[in-house]
Each structure stands twice: as C-alpha cells, then as structure tokens.
N, C-alpha and C. Protein backbone atom coordinates (compact mmCIF):
# COMPACT_ATOMS: atom_id res chain seq x y z
N MET A 1 0.85 -1.18 0.00
CA MET A 1 0.00 0.00 0.00
C MET A 1 0.89 1.23 0.00
N ALA A 2 0.53 2.19 -0.78
CA ALA A 2 1.34 3.40 -0.90
C ALA A 2 1.02 4.35 0.24
N GLU A 3 2.04 4.90 0.83
CA GLU A 3 1.90 5.89 1.90
C GLU A 3 1.78 7.26 1.26
N TYR A 4 0.98 8.12 1.84
CA TYR A 4 0.89 9.47 1.30
C TYR A 4 2.05 10.30 1.83
N TRP A 5 2.42 11.32 1.09
CA TRP A 5 3.57 12.14 1.46
C TRP A 5 3.20 13.04 2.63
N LYS A 6 4.11 13.13 3.58
CA LYS A 6 3.89 13.98 4.73
C LYS A 6 5.16 14.78 4.95
N SER A 7 4.99 16.06 5.16
CA SER A 7 6.14 16.93 5.38
C SER A 7 6.81 16.57 6.70
N ALA A 8 8.11 16.61 6.72
CA ALA A 8 8.87 16.30 7.93
C ALA A 8 8.88 17.49 8.88
N VAL A 9 8.56 18.66 8.37
CA VAL A 9 8.57 19.87 9.20
C VAL A 9 7.21 19.98 9.90
N THR A 10 7.26 20.09 11.21
CA THR A 10 6.03 20.27 11.96
C THR A 10 5.88 21.74 12.32
N ASN A 11 4.67 22.13 12.57
CA ASN A 11 4.40 23.52 12.90
C ASN A 11 3.89 23.64 14.33
N TYR A 12 4.14 24.78 14.91
CA TYR A 12 3.72 25.10 16.27
C TYR A 12 2.65 26.18 16.17
N TRP A 13 1.54 25.99 16.88
CA TRP A 13 0.45 26.97 16.88
C TRP A 13 0.67 27.94 18.02
N CYS A 14 0.85 29.20 17.70
CA CYS A 14 1.02 30.24 18.72
C CYS A 14 -0.37 30.74 19.10
N GLU A 15 -0.78 30.47 20.33
CA GLU A 15 -2.11 30.87 20.80
C GLU A 15 -2.24 32.39 20.87
N ILE A 16 -1.16 33.07 21.14
CA ILE A 16 -1.21 34.52 21.30
C ILE A 16 -1.43 35.20 19.95
N CYS A 17 -0.64 34.78 18.96
CA CYS A 17 -0.73 35.40 17.63
C CYS A 17 -1.74 34.70 16.73
N ARG A 18 -2.17 33.53 17.15
CA ARG A 18 -3.10 32.71 16.39
C ARG A 18 -2.57 32.46 14.98
N THR A 19 -1.36 31.93 14.94
CA THR A 19 -0.71 31.61 13.68
C THR A 19 0.22 30.42 13.88
N PHE A 20 0.58 29.79 12.77
CA PHE A 20 1.53 28.68 12.83
C PHE A 20 2.95 29.20 12.65
N VAL A 21 3.86 28.59 13.39
CA VAL A 21 5.28 28.90 13.30
C VAL A 21 6.00 27.57 13.19
N ARG A 22 7.09 27.53 12.43
CA ARG A 22 7.84 26.28 12.34
C ARG A 22 8.29 25.86 13.72
N ASP A 23 8.20 24.59 13.98
CA ASP A 23 8.51 24.07 15.31
C ASP A 23 10.00 23.72 15.43
N THR A 24 10.80 24.75 15.28
CA THR A 24 12.24 24.62 15.54
C THR A 24 12.59 25.65 16.58
N VAL A 25 13.67 25.40 17.29
CA VAL A 25 14.07 26.32 18.35
C VAL A 25 14.32 27.71 17.78
N ALA A 26 15.00 27.78 16.66
CA ALA A 26 15.33 29.08 16.07
C ALA A 26 14.06 29.83 15.63
N SER A 27 13.14 29.13 14.97
CA SER A 27 11.92 29.79 14.48
C SER A 27 11.05 30.26 15.63
N ARG A 28 10.90 29.42 16.65
CA ARG A 28 10.07 29.81 17.79
C ARG A 28 10.69 30.98 18.54
N THR A 29 12.00 30.94 18.73
CA THR A 29 12.68 32.04 19.43
C THR A 29 12.55 33.33 18.65
N LEU A 30 12.76 33.25 17.34
CA LEU A 30 12.63 34.44 16.50
C LEU A 30 11.21 34.99 16.57
N HIS A 31 10.22 34.10 16.52
CA HIS A 31 8.82 34.54 16.59
C HIS A 31 8.51 35.18 17.94
N GLU A 32 8.91 34.51 19.03
CA GLU A 32 8.58 35.00 20.37
C GLU A 32 9.31 36.29 20.72
N ASN A 33 10.42 36.58 20.06
CA ASN A 33 11.14 37.83 20.29
C ASN A 33 10.71 38.93 19.32
N GLY A 34 9.80 38.61 18.43
CA GLY A 34 9.34 39.59 17.45
C GLY A 34 8.39 40.61 18.06
N PRO A 35 8.30 41.80 17.44
CA PRO A 35 7.46 42.88 17.99
C PRO A 35 5.96 42.54 17.98
N LYS A 36 5.50 41.84 16.96
CA LYS A 36 4.07 41.50 16.89
C LYS A 36 3.68 40.59 18.07
N HIS A 37 4.48 39.56 18.30
CA HIS A 37 4.18 38.62 19.39
C HIS A 37 4.25 39.32 20.74
N LYS A 38 5.26 40.15 20.93
CA LYS A 38 5.40 40.85 22.21
C LYS A 38 4.24 41.81 22.45
N ASP A 39 3.82 42.51 21.39
CA ASP A 39 2.71 43.45 21.51
C ASP A 39 1.41 42.71 21.84
N LEU A 40 1.15 41.62 21.14
CA LEU A 40 -0.07 40.85 21.41
C LEU A 40 -0.04 40.21 22.79
N LEU A 41 1.13 39.77 23.24
CA LEU A 41 1.27 39.19 24.57
C LEU A 41 0.98 40.25 25.63
N GLU A 42 1.51 41.45 25.43
CA GLU A 42 1.27 42.55 26.38
C GLU A 42 -0.21 42.90 26.43
N ARG A 43 -0.86 42.96 25.27
CA ARG A 43 -2.29 43.26 25.23
C ARG A 43 -3.11 42.19 25.95
N LYS A 44 -2.74 40.93 25.73
CA LYS A 44 -3.47 39.83 26.36
C LYS A 44 -3.31 39.88 27.88
N LEU A 45 -2.11 40.14 28.36
CA LEU A 45 -1.88 40.23 29.80
C LEU A 45 -2.63 41.42 30.40
N LYS A 46 -2.62 42.55 29.68
CA LYS A 46 -3.33 43.74 30.16
C LYS A 46 -4.83 43.48 30.22
N ALA A 47 -5.35 42.83 29.20
CA ALA A 47 -6.79 42.50 29.19
C ALA A 47 -7.13 41.57 30.34
N GLY A 48 -6.25 40.64 30.64
CA GLY A 48 -6.47 39.73 31.77
C GLY A 48 -6.49 40.47 33.09
N ARG A 49 -5.58 41.43 33.27
CA ARG A 49 -5.55 42.22 34.50
C ARG A 49 -6.82 43.06 34.63
N ILE A 50 -7.23 43.67 33.55
CA ILE A 50 -8.44 44.50 33.56
C ILE A 50 -9.66 43.65 33.90
N GLU A 51 -9.74 42.46 33.31
CA GLU A 51 -10.87 41.57 33.57
C GLU A 51 -10.88 41.13 35.04
N THR A 52 -9.70 40.83 35.58
CA THR A 52 -9.61 40.42 36.98
C THR A 52 -10.06 41.56 37.89
N GLU A 53 -9.60 42.77 37.61
CA GLU A 53 -10.00 43.93 38.42
C GLU A 53 -11.51 44.17 38.34
N ARG A 54 -12.07 44.01 37.14
CA ARG A 54 -13.51 44.21 36.96
C ARG A 54 -14.29 43.18 37.77
N LYS A 55 -13.85 41.93 37.73
CA LYS A 55 -14.53 40.88 38.50
C LYS A 55 -14.44 41.16 39.99
N GLU A 56 -13.28 41.62 40.45
CA GLU A 56 -13.12 41.93 41.88
C GLU A 56 -14.06 43.07 42.29
N ARG A 57 -14.17 44.10 41.43
CA ARG A 57 -15.09 45.21 41.73
C ARG A 57 -16.53 44.72 41.79
N GLU A 58 -16.92 43.87 40.84
CA GLU A 58 -18.28 43.34 40.83
C GLU A 58 -18.56 42.49 42.07
N GLU A 59 -17.59 41.67 42.45
CA GLU A 59 -17.77 40.84 43.64
C GLU A 59 -17.89 41.70 44.88
N GLN A 60 -17.07 42.76 44.97
CA GLN A 60 -17.13 43.65 46.13
C GLN A 60 -18.48 44.38 46.16
N ALA A 61 -18.95 44.82 45.00
CA ALA A 61 -20.24 45.51 44.94
C ALA A 61 -21.37 44.56 45.35
N ALA A 62 -21.31 43.32 44.88
CA ALA A 62 -22.34 42.34 45.25
C ALA A 62 -22.28 42.04 46.74
N LYS A 63 -21.08 41.95 47.28
CA LYS A 63 -20.93 41.67 48.71
C LYS A 63 -21.49 42.81 49.54
N SER A 64 -21.17 44.05 49.17
CA SER A 64 -21.68 45.19 49.94
C SER A 64 -23.20 45.30 49.79
N ALA A 65 -23.73 44.99 48.62
CA ALA A 65 -25.18 45.02 48.43
C ALA A 65 -25.86 43.97 49.30
N MET A 66 -25.28 42.78 49.38
CA MET A 66 -25.85 41.73 50.22
C MET A 66 -25.79 42.11 51.70
N GLU A 67 -24.69 42.74 52.12
CA GLU A 67 -24.59 43.18 53.51
C GLU A 67 -25.66 44.22 53.83
N LYS A 68 -25.89 45.14 52.88
CA LYS A 68 -26.91 46.17 53.08
C LYS A 68 -28.30 45.52 53.15
N ILE A 69 -28.56 44.57 52.27
CA ILE A 69 -29.84 43.87 52.28
C ILE A 69 -30.03 43.13 53.60
N ASP A 70 -28.98 42.46 54.06
CA ASP A 70 -29.06 41.73 55.34
C ASP A 70 -29.35 42.68 56.49
N GLN A 71 -28.69 43.85 56.50
CA GLN A 71 -28.92 44.82 57.57
C GLN A 71 -30.36 45.32 57.55
N LEU A 72 -30.85 45.65 56.36
CA LEU A 72 -32.23 46.12 56.25
C LEU A 72 -33.23 45.02 56.65
N ALA A 73 -32.95 43.80 56.25
CA ALA A 73 -33.84 42.70 56.61
C ALA A 73 -33.85 42.47 58.12
N MET A 74 -32.68 42.55 58.75
CA MET A 74 -32.60 42.35 60.19
C MET A 74 -33.33 43.47 60.92
N ARG A 75 -33.18 44.70 60.44
CA ARG A 75 -33.87 45.83 61.05
C ARG A 75 -35.38 45.65 60.95
N GLN A 76 -35.86 45.25 59.78
CA GLN A 76 -37.29 45.03 59.59
C GLN A 76 -37.79 43.88 60.45
N TYR A 77 -37.00 42.82 60.55
CA TYR A 77 -37.36 41.68 61.38
C TYR A 77 -37.51 42.11 62.84
N GLN A 78 -36.58 42.93 63.31
CA GLN A 78 -36.65 43.40 64.69
C GLN A 78 -37.88 44.28 64.90
N ARG A 79 -38.21 45.12 63.92
CA ARG A 79 -39.42 45.94 64.01
C ARG A 79 -40.66 45.05 64.06
N ASP A 80 -40.69 44.03 63.21
CA ASP A 80 -41.83 43.12 63.19
C ASP A 80 -41.98 42.40 64.53
N GLN A 81 -40.86 41.96 65.08
CA GLN A 81 -40.91 41.26 66.37
C GLN A 81 -41.40 42.19 67.47
N ALA A 82 -40.92 43.43 67.47
CA ALA A 82 -41.36 44.39 68.47
C ALA A 82 -42.85 44.68 68.30
N GLY A 83 -43.32 44.81 67.07
CA GLY A 83 -44.73 45.05 66.81
C GLY A 83 -45.59 43.89 67.24
N MET A 84 -45.12 42.67 67.03
CA MET A 84 -45.88 41.49 67.44
C MET A 84 -45.96 41.41 68.96
N MET A 85 -44.90 41.79 69.64
CA MET A 85 -44.91 41.77 71.10
C MET A 85 -45.92 42.79 71.64
N ARG A 86 -45.94 43.97 71.00
CA ARG A 86 -46.88 45.00 71.45
C ARG A 86 -48.32 44.58 71.21
N THR A 87 -48.60 44.03 70.03
CA THR A 87 -49.98 43.62 69.74
C THR A 87 -50.38 42.41 70.57
N ALA A 88 -49.45 41.54 70.87
CA ALA A 88 -49.77 40.38 71.72
C ALA A 88 -50.09 40.85 73.13
N GLY A 89 -49.37 41.85 73.60
CA GLY A 89 -49.64 42.40 74.93
C GLY A 89 -50.98 43.12 74.98
N LYS A 90 -51.34 43.84 73.95
CA LYS A 90 -52.62 44.55 73.91
C LYS A 90 -53.78 43.56 73.83
N GLY A 91 -53.63 42.53 73.04
CA GLY A 91 -54.70 41.54 72.88
C GLY A 91 -54.98 40.81 74.17
N ALA A 92 -53.97 40.51 74.94
CA ALA A 92 -54.16 39.80 76.21
C ALA A 92 -54.80 40.70 77.24
N SER A 93 -54.47 41.99 77.24
CA SER A 93 -55.03 42.90 78.24
C SER A 93 -56.49 43.22 77.92
N GLN A 94 -56.88 43.16 76.66
CA GLN A 94 -58.26 43.46 76.29
C GLN A 94 -59.16 42.24 76.51
N GLY A 95 -58.55 41.08 76.64
CA GLY A 95 -59.34 39.89 76.89
C GLY A 95 -60.10 39.41 75.68
N GLY A 96 -59.77 39.90 74.51
CA GLY A 96 -60.50 39.57 73.30
C GLY A 96 -60.27 38.14 72.85
N GLY A 97 -59.23 37.90 72.22
CA GLY A 97 -58.96 36.58 71.69
C GLY A 97 -59.66 36.34 70.37
N LYS A 98 -60.75 37.05 70.10
CA LYS A 98 -61.45 36.90 68.83
C LYS A 98 -60.77 37.79 67.79
N PRO A 99 -60.72 37.31 66.57
CA PRO A 99 -60.20 38.18 65.52
C PRO A 99 -61.18 39.31 65.24
N ARG A 100 -60.67 40.39 64.75
CA ARG A 100 -61.52 41.53 64.43
C ARG A 100 -62.47 41.17 63.30
N GLY A 101 -63.66 41.69 63.39
CA GLY A 101 -64.64 41.50 62.33
C GLY A 101 -65.34 40.15 62.40
N ALA A 102 -65.03 39.34 63.36
CA ALA A 102 -65.68 38.04 63.43
C ALA A 102 -66.83 38.05 64.40
C-alpha cells in the first residue's frame, strides 16, 4: 500500500498570535522575540488584569449590596418582632382573643 507524502517539518500553533510557526528552536525564538508577538502578549496580559479587576469590583459591589440587604432585613425583622410583642400584649389585656370582624 502506498503511503501518502507527509512533510517532515512540523508547525507550532502560537495561541497569542493565532498563527503557525515552524517548530524549531530558532523559528520559535525568532517569533517570540518579534514585535508583533510581544505586543499581542502585552495586550493579552493587560486585558487579563483589567478583567480580573472588573470581576473583583463586581464581587465587592455584590458583597456590599448583600450586607446592606441583610442589615435592612434584620432591622425590619426586629421591628416586626417588636410590633408582634406590642400587639400580643394589647390583645391579652383586652381579653378579646377573637379576631376583628368576626
């Protein structure tokens, strides 16, 4: 059976530049030291830092919003409890026990 021809030279895929480079030490070194690769690498790292900072700000905002909601809920709960205690005390002193309107 005849084998199909295959090039002996393999290529390396550069994720940063999204291009193929010959997979030799010299070619990869030349590519990685080139201005295009360095510029794209710097942009990618900067975008990653910006994204991380944005996520941290969003998480902090969500955390502070949840703390505020918890504080407001606790305050309302305490008001409700105090109101229930007052109405329970009034109902017992009036001797009613019947619901209003019944």
